[in-house]
Amino acid sequence: MYAYIAGTRFAFITYHGVPSENYGLLFGAGIVATNLINARLVHRFGMNRIMFAGTTIATVSGLVLAVNSYSDFGGLWGVFIPLLVFVSATGLIVANSIAGAMADYPE
């Protein structure tokens, strides 16, 4: 996550030429959206299944991102889409892992 925060500004603006005023949309849109989706799905499927889905999504998109970055496949979109999916998966993983860790200490 820290690499995403530190590196995407350079990758998007300097390397791929994204206007700096659009960077914020690229940076946070997926994370906010998946946190909202998580709030709806967790009651139906439970936090363990959602975390498993999130880690699976992050793994697959991370592999696609690595291949696209190495081969420069797709240019900006070849990096942005798998990166967006990868980082968005944190909305399914982080909140549920924190809730799961705190479940043993309800007070």
PDB file of N, CA and C in Angstrom:
ATOM      1  N   MET A   1       0.825  -1.190   0.000  1.00  0.00           N
ATOM      2  CA  MET A   1       0.000   0.000   0.000  1.00  0.00           C
ATOM      3  C   MET A   1       0.870   1.255   0.000  1.00  0.00           C
ATOM      4  N   TYR A   2       1.976   1.213   0.776  1.00  0.00           N
ATOM      5  CA  TYR A   2       2.859   2.374   0.804  1.00  0.00           C
ATOM      6  C   TYR A   2       3.527   2.594  -0.550  1.00  0.00           C
ATOM      7  N   ALA A   3       3.865   1.510  -1.239  1.00  0.00           N
ATOM      8  CA  ALA A   3       4.444   1.637  -2.577  1.00  0.00           C
ATOM      9  C   ALA A   3       3.431   2.270  -3.530  1.00  0.00           C
ATOM     10  N   TYR A   4       2.163   1.909  -3.383  1.00  0.00           N
ATOM     11  CA  TYR A   4       1.104   2.501  -4.210  1.00  0.00           C
ATOM     12  C   TYR A   4       1.016   3.998  -3.959  1.00  0.00           C
ATOM     13  N   ILE A   5       1.006   4.374  -2.702  1.00  0.00           N
ATOM     14  CA  ILE A   5       0.895   5.785  -2.342  1.00  0.00           C
ATOM     15  C   ILE A   5       2.115   6.565  -2.844  1.00  0.00           C
ATOM     16  N   ALA A   6       3.301   5.989  -2.674  1.00  0.00           N
ATOM     17  CA  ALA A   6       4.523   6.699  -3.053  1.00  0.00           C
ATOM     18  C   ALA A   6       4.778   6.691  -4.554  1.00  0.00           C
ATOM     19  N   GLY A   7       4.428   5.617  -5.233  1.00  0.00           N
ATOM     20  CA  GLY A   7       4.843   5.471  -6.616  1.00  0.00           C
ATOM     21  C   GLY A   7       3.850   5.845  -7.685  1.00  0.00           C
ATOM     22  N   THR A   8       2.565   5.865  -7.374  1.00  0.00           N
ATOM     23  CA  THR A   8       1.592   6.098  -8.435  1.00  0.00           C
ATOM     24  C   THR A   8       1.632   7.519  -8.980  1.00  0.00           C
ATOM     25  N   ARG A   9       1.981   8.457  -8.165  1.00  0.00           N
ATOM     26  CA  ARG A   9       2.056   9.838  -8.662  1.00  0.00           C
ATOM     27  C   ARG A   9       3.070   9.927  -9.800  1.00  0.00           C
ATOM     28  N   PHE A  10       4.251   9.379  -9.578  1.00  0.00           N
ATOM     29  CA  PHE A  10       5.267   9.381 -10.632  1.00  0.00           C
ATOM     30  C   PHE A  10       4.804   8.570 -11.834  1.00  0.00           C
ATOM     31  N   ALA A  11       4.301   7.365 -11.579  1.00  0.00           N
ATOM     32  CA  ALA A  11       3.919   6.477 -12.686  1.00  0.00           C
ATOM     33  C   ALA A  11       2.806   7.083 -13.534  1.00  0.00           C
ATOM     34  N   PHE A  12       1.795   7.645 -12.904  1.00  0.00           N
ATOM     35  CA  PHE A  12       0.656   8.183 -13.655  1.00  0.00           C
ATOM     36  C   PHE A  12       0.968   9.538 -14.302  1.00  0.00           C
ATOM     37  N   ILE A  13       1.526  10.462 -13.533  1.00  0.00           N
ATOM     38  CA  ILE A  13       1.696  11.835 -14.019  1.00  0.00           C
ATOM     39  C   ILE A  13       2.951  11.977 -14.886  1.00  0.00           C
ATOM     40  N   THR A  14       4.078  11.547 -14.377  1.00  0.00           N
ATOM     41  CA  THR A  14       5.333  11.750 -15.101  1.00  0.00           C
ATOM     42  C   THR A  14       5.505  10.761 -16.242  1.00  0.00           C
ATOM     43  N   TYR A  15       5.322   9.480 -15.961  1.00  0.00           N
ATOM     44  CA  TYR A  15       5.609   8.452 -16.965  1.00  0.00           C
ATOM     45  C   TYR A  15       4.500   8.330 -18.005  1.00  0.00           C
ATOM     46  N   HIS A  16       3.228   8.344 -17.551  1.00  0.00           N
ATOM     47  CA  HIS A  16       2.109   8.137 -18.470  1.00  0.00           C
ATOM     48  C   HIS A  16       1.404   9.429 -18.890  1.00  0.00           C
ATOM     49  N   GLY A  17       1.778  10.567 -18.323  1.00  0.00           N
ATOM     50  CA  GLY A  17       1.239  11.848 -18.764  1.00  0.00           C
ATOM     51  C   GLY A  17      -0.186  12.160 -18.335  1.00  0.00           C
ATOM     52  N   VAL A  18      -0.647  11.574 -17.236  1.00  0.00           N
ATOM     53  CA  VAL A  18      -1.989  11.874 -16.721  1.00  0.00           C
ATOM     54  C   VAL A  18      -1.971  13.282 -16.125  1.00  0.00           C
ATOM     55  N   PRO A  19      -2.950  14.130 -16.456  1.00  0.00           N
ATOM     56  CA  PRO A  19      -3.005  15.464 -15.844  1.00  0.00           C
ATOM     57  C   PRO A  19      -3.106  15.372 -14.320  1.00  0.00           C
ATOM     58  N   SER A  20      -2.375  16.226 -13.622  1.00  0.00           N
ATOM     59  CA  SER A  20      -2.320  16.146 -12.161  1.00  0.00           C
ATOM     60  C   SER A  20      -3.687  16.344 -11.511  1.00  0.00           C
ATOM     61  N   GLU A  21      -4.592  17.080 -12.155  1.00  0.00           N
ATOM     62  CA  GLU A  21      -5.922  17.268 -11.560  1.00  0.00           C
ATOM     63  C   GLU A  21      -6.774  16.000 -11.615  1.00  0.00           C
ATOM     64  N   ASN A  22      -6.409  15.041 -12.444  1.00  0.00           N
ATOM     65  CA  ASN A  22      -7.147  13.774 -12.515  1.00  0.00           C
ATOM     66  C   ASN A  22      -6.540  12.690 -11.636  1.00  0.00           C
ATOM     67  N   TYR A  23      -5.380  12.960 -11.064  1.00  0.00           N
ATOM     68  CA  TYR A  23      -4.682  11.948 -10.271  1.00  0.00           C
ATOM     69  C   TYR A  23      -5.497  11.490  -9.067  1.00  0.00           C
ATOM     70  N   GLY A  24      -6.154  12.401  -8.377  1.00  0.00           N
ATOM     71  CA  GLY A  24      -6.945  12.040  -7.195  1.00  0.00           C
ATOM     72  C   GLY A  24      -8.037  11.040  -7.506  1.00  0.00           C
ATOM     73  N   LEU A  25      -8.676  11.194  -8.662  1.00  0.00           N
ATOM     74  CA  LEU A  25      -9.708  10.233  -9.069  1.00  0.00           C
ATOM     75  C   LEU A  25      -9.118   8.860  -9.297  1.00  0.00           C
ATOM     76  N   LEU A  26      -7.975   8.810  -9.954  1.00  0.00           N
ATOM     77  CA  LEU A  26      -7.317   7.531 -10.193  1.00  0.00           C
ATOM     78  C   LEU A  26      -6.823   6.911  -8.890  1.00  0.00           C
ATOM     79  N   PHE A  27      -6.447   7.768  -7.955  1.00  0.00           N
ATOM     80  CA  PHE A  27      -5.837   7.297  -6.714  1.00  0.00           C
ATOM     81  C   PHE A  27      -6.844   6.623  -5.773  1.00  0.00           C
ATOM     82  N   GLY A  28      -7.994   7.245  -5.548  1.00  0.00           N
ATOM     83  CA  GLY A  28      -8.854   6.766  -4.478  1.00  0.00           C
ATOM     84  C   GLY A  28     -10.201   6.197  -4.863  1.00  0.00           C
ATOM     85  N   ALA A  29     -10.577   6.263  -6.116  1.00  0.00           N
ATOM     86  CA  ALA A  29     -11.932   5.850  -6.512  1.00  0.00           C
ATOM     87  C   ALA A  29     -12.228   4.398  -6.196  1.00  0.00           C
ATOM     88  N   GLY A  30     -11.308   3.515  -6.489  1.00  0.00           N
ATOM     89  CA  GLY A  30     -11.546   2.088  -6.274  1.00  0.00           C
ATOM     90  C   GLY A  30     -11.634   1.711  -4.814  1.00  0.00           C
ATOM     91  N   ILE A  31     -10.812   2.323  -3.988  1.00  0.00           N
ATOM     92  CA  ILE A  31     -10.805   2.002  -2.566  1.00  0.00           C
ATOM     93  C   ILE A  31     -12.133   2.398  -1.927  1.00  0.00           C
ATOM     94  N   VAL A  32     -12.615   3.569  -2.234  1.00  0.00           N
ATOM     95  CA  VAL A  32     -13.893   4.025  -1.676  1.00  0.00           C
ATOM     96  C   VAL A  32     -15.034   3.126  -2.148  1.00  0.00           C
ATOM     97  N   ALA A  33     -15.038   2.804  -3.426  1.00  0.00           N
ATOM     98  CA  ALA A  33     -16.113   1.972  -3.983  1.00  0.00           C
ATOM     99  C   ALA A  33     -16.142   0.592  -3.346  1.00  0.00           C
ATOM    100  N   THR A  34     -14.979  -0.044  -3.174  1.00  0.00           N
ATOM    101  CA  THR A  34     -14.998  -1.390  -2.595  1.00  0.00           C
ATOM    102  C   THR A  34     -15.322  -1.378  -1.117  1.00  0.00           C
ATOM    103  N   ASN A  35     -14.987  -0.332  -0.409  1.00  0.00           N
ATOM    104  CA  ASN A  35     -15.416  -0.257   0.996  1.00  0.00           C
ATOM    105  C   ASN A  35     -16.938  -0.184   1.088  1.00  0.00           C
ATOM    106  N   LEU A  36     -17.564   0.546   0.184  1.00  0.00           N
ATOM    107  CA  LEU A  36     -19.024   0.614   0.180  1.00  0.00           C
ATOM    108  C   LEU A  36     -19.637  -0.742  -0.210  1.00  0.00           C
ATOM    109  N   ILE A  37     -19.043  -1.397  -1.185  1.00  0.00           N
ATOM    110  CA  ILE A  37     -19.517  -2.727  -1.589  1.00  0.00           C
ATOM    111  C   ILE A  37     -19.342  -3.723  -0.456  1.00  0.00           C
ATOM    112  N   ASN A  38     -18.210  -3.650   0.232  1.00  0.00           N
ATOM    113  CA  ASN A  38     -17.944  -4.550   1.353  1.00  0.00           C
ATOM    114  C   ASN A  38     -19.007  -4.415   2.439  1.00  0.00           C
ATOM    115  N   ALA A  39     -19.405  -3.193   2.739  1.00  0.00           N
ATOM    116  CA  ALA A  39     -20.412  -2.972   3.784  1.00  0.00           C
ATOM    117  C   ALA A  39     -21.724  -3.681   3.450  1.00  0.00           C
ATOM    118  N   ARG A  40     -22.048  -3.782   2.184  1.00  0.00           N
ATOM    119  CA  ARG A  40     -23.279  -4.466   1.774  1.00  0.00           C
ATOM    120  C   ARG A  40     -23.113  -5.980   1.733  1.00  0.00           C
ATOM    121  N   LEU A  41     -21.960  -6.452   1.304  1.00  0.00           N
ATOM    122  CA  LEU A  41     -21.765  -7.892   1.110  1.00  0.00           C
ATOM    123  C   LEU A  41     -21.430  -8.657   2.380  1.00  0.00           C
ATOM    124  N   VAL A  42     -20.828  -7.996   3.349  1.00  0.00           N
ATOM    125  CA  VAL A  42     -20.346  -8.708   4.531  1.00  0.00           C
ATOM    126  C   VAL A  42     -21.487  -9.343   5.333  1.00  0.00           C
ATOM    127  N   HIS A  43     -22.645  -8.736   5.339  1.00  0.00           N
ATOM    128  CA  HIS A  43     -23.777  -9.300   6.071  1.00  0.00           C
ATOM    129  C   HIS A  43     -24.315 -10.550   5.377  1.00  0.00           C
ATOM    130  N   ARG A  44     -24.204 -10.592   4.076  1.00  0.00           N
ATOM    131  CA  ARG A  44     -24.710 -11.726   3.312  1.00  0.00           C
ATOM    132  C   ARG A  44     -23.731 -12.898   3.289  1.00  0.00           C
ATOM    133  N   PHE A  45     -22.435 -12.607   3.108  1.00  0.00           N
ATOM    134  CA  PHE A  45     -21.462 -13.682   2.894  1.00  0.00           C
ATOM    135  C   PHE A  45     -20.522 -13.923   4.065  1.00  0.00           C
ATOM    136  N   GLY A  46     -20.426 -12.996   4.991  1.00  0.00           N
ATOM    137  CA  GLY A  46     -19.515 -13.146   6.126  1.00  0.00           C
ATOM    138  C   GLY A  46     -18.127 -12.622   5.799  1.00  0.00           C
ATOM    139  N   MET A  47     -17.420 -12.207   6.856  1.00  0.00           N
ATOM    140  CA  MET A  47     -16.135 -11.560   6.631  1.00  0.00           C
ATOM    141  C   MET A  47     -15.058 -12.509   6.130  1.00  0.00           C
ATOM    142  N   ASN A  48     -15.086 -13.777   6.505  1.00  0.00           N
ATOM    143  CA  ASN A  48     -14.043 -14.692   6.045  1.00  0.00           C
ATOM    144  C   ASN A  48     -14.127 -14.943   4.545  1.00  0.00           C
ATOM    145  N   ARG A  49     -15.321 -15.123   4.031  1.00  0.00           N
ATOM    146  CA  ARG A  49     -15.476 -15.340   2.592  1.00  0.00           C
ATOM    147  C   ARG A  49     -15.113 -14.091   1.799  1.00  0.00           C
ATOM    148  N   ILE A  50     -15.457 -12.918   2.334  1.00  0.00           N
ATOM    149  CA  ILE A  50     -15.122 -11.668   1.661  1.00  0.00           C
ATOM    150  C   ILE A  50     -13.601 -11.459   1.658  1.00  0.00           C
ATOM    151  N   MET A  51     -12.942 -11.761   2.789  1.00  0.00           N
ATOM    152  CA  MET A  51     -11.484 -11.632   2.836  1.00  0.00           C
ATOM    153  C   MET A  51     -10.813 -12.599   1.860  1.00  0.00           C
ATOM    154  N   PHE A  52     -11.311 -13.830   1.774  1.00  0.00           N
ATOM    155  CA  PHE A  52     -10.759 -14.793   0.830  1.00  0.00           C
ATOM    156  C   PHE A  52     -10.916 -14.297  -0.602  1.00  0.00           C
ATOM    157  N   ALA A  53     -12.091 -13.782  -0.918  1.00  0.00           N
ATOM    158  CA  ALA A  53     -12.320 -13.232  -2.265  1.00  0.00           C
ATOM    159  C   ALA A  53     -11.381 -12.058  -2.522  1.00  0.00           C
ATOM    160  N   GLY A  54     -11.212 -11.192  -1.539  1.00  0.00           N
ATOM    161  CA  GLY A  54     -10.330 -10.037  -1.694  1.00  0.00           C
ATOM    162  C   GLY A  54      -8.881 -10.430  -1.916  1.00  0.00           C
ATOM    163  N   THR A  55      -8.396 -11.418  -1.167  1.00  0.00           N
ATOM    164  CA  THR A  55      -7.008 -11.844  -1.352  1.00  0.00           C
ATOM    165  C   THR A  55      -6.826 -12.565  -2.689  1.00  0.00           C
ATOM    166  N   THR A  56      -7.830 -13.292  -3.130  1.00  0.00           N
ATOM    167  CA  THR A  56      -7.754 -13.940  -4.442  1.00  0.00           C
ATOM    168  C   THR A  56      -7.715 -12.898  -5.552  1.00  0.00           C
ATOM    169  N   ILE A  57      -8.582 -11.905  -5.454  1.00  0.00           N
ATOM    170  CA  ILE A  57      -8.605 -10.825  -6.441  1.00  0.00           C
ATOM    171  C   ILE A  57      -7.274 -10.081  -6.449  1.00  0.00           C
ATOM    172  N   ALA A  58      -6.726  -9.791  -5.269  1.00  0.00           N
ATOM    173  CA  ALA A  58      -5.454  -9.081  -5.181  1.00  0.00           C
ATOM    174  C   ALA A  58      -4.319  -9.906  -5.778  1.00  0.00           C
ATOM    175  N   THR A  59      -4.326 -11.202  -5.553  1.00  0.00           N
ATOM    176  CA  THR A  59      -3.276 -12.063  -6.089  1.00  0.00           C
ATOM    177  C   THR A  59      -3.304 -12.098  -7.609  1.00  0.00           C
ATOM    178  N   VAL A  60      -4.476 -12.322  -8.166  1.00  0.00           N
ATOM    179  CA  VAL A  60      -4.603 -12.407  -9.627  1.00  0.00           C
ATOM    180  C   VAL A  60      -4.267 -11.069 -10.282  1.00  0.00           C
ATOM    181  N   SER A  61      -4.810  -9.984  -9.746  1.00  0.00           N
ATOM    182  CA  SER A  61      -4.533  -8.682 -10.350  1.00  0.00           C
ATOM    183  C   SER A  61      -3.076  -8.279 -10.161  1.00  0.00           C
ATOM    184  N   GLY A  62      -2.447  -8.700  -9.069  1.00  0.00           N
ATOM    185  CA  GLY A  62      -1.021  -8.432  -8.863  1.00  0.00           C
ATOM    186  C   GLY A  62      -0.159  -9.134  -9.895  1.00  0.00           C
ATOM    187  N   LEU A  63      -0.525 -10.370 -10.211  1.00  0.00           N
ATOM    188  CA  LEU A  63       0.208 -11.101 -11.253  1.00  0.00           C
ATOM    189  C   LEU A  63       0.029 -10.441 -12.620  1.00  0.00           C
ATOM    190  N   VAL A  64      -1.204 -10.050 -12.936  1.00  0.00           N
ATOM    191  CA  VAL A  64      -1.465  -9.365 -14.209  1.00  0.00           C
ATOM    192  C   VAL A  64      -0.698  -8.042 -14.258  1.00  0.00           C
ATOM    193  N   LEU A  65      -0.689  -7.317 -13.159  1.00  0.00           N
ATOM    194  CA  LEU A  65       0.043  -6.051 -13.091  1.00  0.00           C
ATOM    195  C   LEU A  65       1.534  -6.263 -13.312  1.00  0.00           C
ATOM    196  N   ALA A  66       2.095  -7.291 -12.704  1.00  0.00           N
ATOM    197  CA  ALA A  66       3.525  -7.568 -12.874  1.00  0.00           C
ATOM    198  C   ALA A  66       3.861  -7.873 -14.332  1.00  0.00           C
ATOM    199  N   VAL A  67       3.040  -8.693 -14.976  1.00  0.00           N
ATOM    200  CA  VAL A  67       3.273  -9.035 -16.378  1.00  0.00           C
ATOM    201  C   VAL A  67       3.119  -7.804 -17.264  1.00  0.00           C
ATOM    202  N   ASN A  68       2.053  -7.038 -17.048  1.00  0.00           N
ATOM    203  CA  ASN A  68       1.831  -5.836 -17.862  1.00  0.00           C
ATOM    204  C   ASN A  68       2.932  -4.793 -17.663  1.00  0.00           C
ATOM    205  N   SER A  69       3.388  -4.633 -16.441  1.00  0.00           N
ATOM    206  CA  SER A  69       4.438  -3.652 -16.167  1.00  0.00           C
ATOM    207  C   SER A  69       5.752  -4.077 -16.805  1.00  0.00           C
ATOM    208  N   TYR A  70       6.070  -5.348 -16.708  1.00  0.00           N
ATOM    209  CA  TYR A  70       7.324  -5.849 -17.285  1.00  0.00           C
ATOM    210  C   TYR A  70       7.322  -5.726 -18.805  1.00  0.00           C
ATOM    211  N   SER A  71       6.179  -6.049 -19.416  1.00  0.00           N
ATOM    212  CA  SER A  71       6.110  -6.050 -20.879  1.00  0.00           C
ATOM    213  C   SER A  71       5.618  -4.729 -21.465  1.00  0.00           C
ATOM    214  N   ASP A  72       5.203  -3.802 -20.614  1.00  0.00           N
ATOM    215  CA  ASP A  72       4.598  -2.529 -21.023  1.00  0.00           C
ATOM    216  C   ASP A  72       3.359  -2.757 -21.890  1.00  0.00           C
ATOM    217  N   PHE A  73       2.642  -3.823 -21.596  1.00  0.00           N
ATOM    218  CA  PHE A  73       1.418  -4.153 -22.320  1.00  0.00           C
ATOM    219  C   PHE A  73       0.304  -3.192 -21.914  1.00  0.00           C
ATOM    220  N   GLY A  74      -0.349  -2.584 -22.870  1.00  0.00           N
ATOM    221  CA  GLY A  74      -1.502  -1.739 -22.612  1.00  0.00           C
ATOM    222  C   GLY A  74      -1.198  -0.325 -22.196  1.00  0.00           C
ATOM    223  N   GLY A  75       0.067   0.048 -22.065  1.00  0.00           N
ATOM    224  CA  GLY A  75       0.412   1.410 -21.661  1.00  0.00           C
ATOM    225  C   GLY A  75      -0.182   1.771 -20.312  1.00  0.00           C
ATOM    226  N   LEU A  76      -0.768   2.952 -20.220  1.00  0.00           N
ATOM    227  CA  LEU A  76      -1.377   3.420 -18.967  1.00  0.00           C
ATOM    228  C   LEU A  76      -2.476   2.482 -18.507  1.00  0.00           C
ATOM    229  N   TRP A  77      -3.353   2.063 -19.399  1.00  0.00           N
ATOM    230  CA  TRP A  77      -4.475   1.220 -19.005  1.00  0.00           C
ATOM    231  C   TRP A  77      -4.022  -0.168 -18.594  1.00  0.00           C
ATOM    232  N   GLY A  78      -2.939  -0.657 -19.161  1.00  0.00           N
ATOM    233  CA  GLY A  78      -2.398  -1.957 -18.770  1.00  0.00           C
ATOM    234  C   GLY A  78      -1.838  -1.956 -17.365  1.00  0.00           C
ATOM    235  N   VAL A  79      -1.468  -0.775 -16.874  1.00  0.00           N
ATOM    236  CA  VAL A  79      -1.004  -0.637 -15.494  1.00  0.00           C
ATOM    237  C   VAL A  79      -2.154  -0.210 -14.594  1.00  0.00           C
ATOM    238  N   PHE A  80      -2.945   0.754 -15.063  1.00  0.00           N
ATOM    239  CA  PHE A  80      -3.970   1.338 -14.203  1.00  0.00           C
ATOM    240  C   PHE A  80      -5.057   0.345 -13.810  1.00  0.00           C
ATOM    241  N   ILE A  81      -5.585  -0.412 -14.747  1.00  0.00           N
ATOM    242  CA  ILE A  81      -6.712  -1.300 -14.434  1.00  0.00           C
ATOM    243  C   ILE A  81      -6.325  -2.399 -13.443  1.00  0.00           C
ATOM    244  N   PRO A  82      -5.240  -3.167 -13.667  1.00  0.00           N
ATOM    245  CA  PRO A  82      -4.901  -4.159 -12.650  1.00  0.00           C
ATOM    246  C   PRO A  82      -4.483  -3.534 -11.321  1.00  0.00           C
ATOM    247  N   LEU A  83      -3.855  -2.351 -11.370  1.00  0.00           N
ATOM    248  CA  LEU A  83      -3.483  -1.674 -10.130  1.00  0.00           C
ATOM    249  C   LEU A  83      -4.725  -1.220  -9.372  1.00  0.00           C
ATOM    250  N   LEU A  84      -5.707  -0.707 -10.092  1.00  0.00           N
ATOM    251  CA  LEU A  84      -6.966  -0.301  -9.463  1.00  0.00           C
ATOM    252  C   LEU A  84      -7.652  -1.497  -8.810  1.00  0.00           C
ATOM    253  N   VAL A  85      -7.688  -2.614  -9.499  1.00  0.00           N
ATOM    254  CA  VAL A  85      -8.309  -3.818  -8.945  1.00  0.00           C
ATOM    255  C   VAL A  85      -7.526  -4.293  -7.731  1.00  0.00           C
ATOM    256  N   PHE A  86      -6.205  -4.285  -7.817  1.00  0.00           N
ATOM    257  CA  PHE A  86      -5.361  -4.728  -6.703  1.00  0.00           C
ATOM    258  C   PHE A  86      -5.586  -3.879  -5.457  1.00  0.00           C
ATOM    259  N   VAL A  87      -5.527  -2.576  -5.625  1.00  0.00           N
ATOM    260  CA  VAL A  87      -5.680  -1.677  -4.476  1.00  0.00           C
ATOM    261  C   VAL A  87      -7.119  -1.680  -3.975  1.00  0.00           C
ATOM    262  N   SER A  88      -8.075  -1.823  -4.872  1.00  0.00           N
ATOM    263  CA  SER A  88      -9.477  -1.879  -4.464  1.00  0.00           C
ATOM    264  C   SER A  88      -9.755  -3.102  -3.605  1.00  0.00           C
ATOM    265  N   ALA A  89      -9.009  -4.169  -3.818  1.00  0.00           N
ATOM    266  CA  ALA A  89      -9.193  -5.375  -3.011  1.00  0.00           C
ATOM    267  C   ALA A  89      -8.913  -5.114  -1.534  1.00  0.00           C
ATOM    268  N   THR A  90      -8.143  -4.071  -1.232  1.00  0.00           N
ATOM    269  CA  THR A  90      -7.901  -3.749   0.173  1.00  0.00           C
ATOM    270  C   THR A  90      -9.190  -3.356   0.880  1.00  0.00           C
ATOM    271  N   GLY A  91     -10.149  -2.837   0.131  1.00  0.00           N
ATOM    272  CA  GLY A  91     -11.451  -2.515   0.722  1.00  0.00           C
ATOM    273  C   GLY A  91     -12.201  -3.753   1.179  1.00  0.00           C
ATOM    274  N   LEU A  92     -11.854  -4.897   0.604  1.00  0.00           N
ATOM    275  CA  LEU A  92     -12.462  -6.157   1.018  1.00  0.00           C
ATOM    276  C   LEU A  92     -11.643  -6.865   2.092  1.00  0.00           C
ATOM    277  N   ILE A  93     -10.365  -6.549   2.170  1.00  0.00           N
ATOM    278  CA  ILE A  93      -9.475  -7.261   3.085  1.00  0.00           C
ATOM    279  C   ILE A  93      -9.309  -6.538   4.415  1.00  0.00           C
ATOM    280  N   VAL A  94      -8.962  -5.266   4.376  1.00  0.00           N
ATOM    281  CA  VAL A  94      -8.539  -4.551   5.586  1.00  0.00           C
ATOM    282  C   VAL A  94      -9.655  -4.417   6.615  1.00  0.00           C
ATOM    283  N   ALA A  95     -10.803  -3.931   6.208  1.00  0.00           N
ATOM    284  CA  ALA A  95     -11.896  -3.723   7.172  1.00  0.00           C
ATOM    285  C   ALA A  95     -12.318  -5.033   7.821  1.00  0.00           C
ATOM    286  N   ASN A  96     -12.380  -6.102   7.037  1.00  0.00           N
ATOM    287  CA  ASN A  96     -12.793  -7.388   7.589  1.00  0.00           C
ATOM    288  C   ASN A  96     -11.728  -8.000   8.483  1.00  0.00           C
ATOM    289  N   SER A  97     -10.462  -7.812   8.153  1.00  0.00           N
ATOM    290  CA  SER A  97      -9.407  -8.348   9.008  1.00  0.00           C
ATOM    291  C   SER A  97      -9.357  -7.611  10.344  1.00  0.00           C
ATOM    292  N   ILE A  98      -9.582  -6.309  10.324  1.00  0.00           N
ATOM    293  CA  ILE A  98      -9.617  -5.551  11.579  1.00  0.00           C
ATOM    294  C   ILE A  98     -10.814  -5.985  12.421  1.00  0.00           C
ATOM    295  N   ALA A  99     -11.970  -6.115  11.785  1.00  0.00           N
ATOM    296  CA  ALA A  99     -13.163  -6.568  12.517  1.00  0.00           C
ATOM    297  C   ALA A  99     -12.966  -7.966  13.069  1.00  0.00           C
ATOM    298  N   GLY A 100     -12.338  -8.843  12.300  1.00  0.00           N
ATOM    299  CA  GLY A 100     -12.070 -10.201  12.771  1.00  0.00           C
ATOM    300  C   GLY A 100     -11.102 -10.233  13.933  1.00  0.00           C
ATOM    301  N   ALA A 101     -10.085  -9.385  13.886  1.00  0.00           N
ATOM    302  CA  ALA A 101      -9.113  -9.322  14.984  1.00  0.00           C
ATOM    303  C   ALA A 101      -9.744  -8.787  16.253  1.00  0.00           C
ATOM    304  N   MET A 102     -10.682  -7.867  16.123  1.00  0.00           N
ATOM    305  CA  MET A 102     -11.327  -7.276  17.291  1.00  0.00           C
ATOM    306  C   MET A 102     -12.493  -8.101  17.811  1.00  0.00           C
ATOM    307  N   ALA A 103     -12.931  -9.112  17.070  1.00  0.00           N
ATOM    308  CA  ALA A 103     -14.086  -9.909  17.468  1.00  0.00           C
ATOM    309  C   ALA A 103     -13.860 -10.645  18.785  1.00  0.00           C
ATOM    310  N   ASP A 104     -12.630 -11.000  19.091  1.00  0.00           N
ATOM    311  CA  ASP A 104     -12.339 -11.682  20.346  1.00  0.00           C
ATOM    312  C   ASP A 104     -12.321 -10.734  21.545  1.00  0.00           C
ATOM    313  N   TYR A 105     -12.323  -9.436  21.286  1.00  0.00           N
ATOM    314  CA  TYR A 105     -12.286  -8.422  22.343  1.00  0.00           C
ATOM    315  C   TYR A 105     -13.427  -7.431  22.164  1.00  0.00           C
ATOM    316  N   PRO A 106     -14.660  -7.847  22.422  1.00  0.00           N
ATOM    317  CA  PRO A 106     -15.817  -6.989  22.130  1.00  0.00           C
ATOM    318  C   PRO A 106     -15.912  -5.735  22.988  1.00  0.00           C
ATOM    319  N   GLU A 107     -15.285  -5.699  24.123  1.00  0.00           N
ATOM    320  CA  GLU A 107     -15.395  -4.519  24.965  1.00  0.00           C
ATOM    321  C   GLU A 107     -14.458  -3.497  24.473  1.00  0.00           C
TER     322      GLU A 107
END
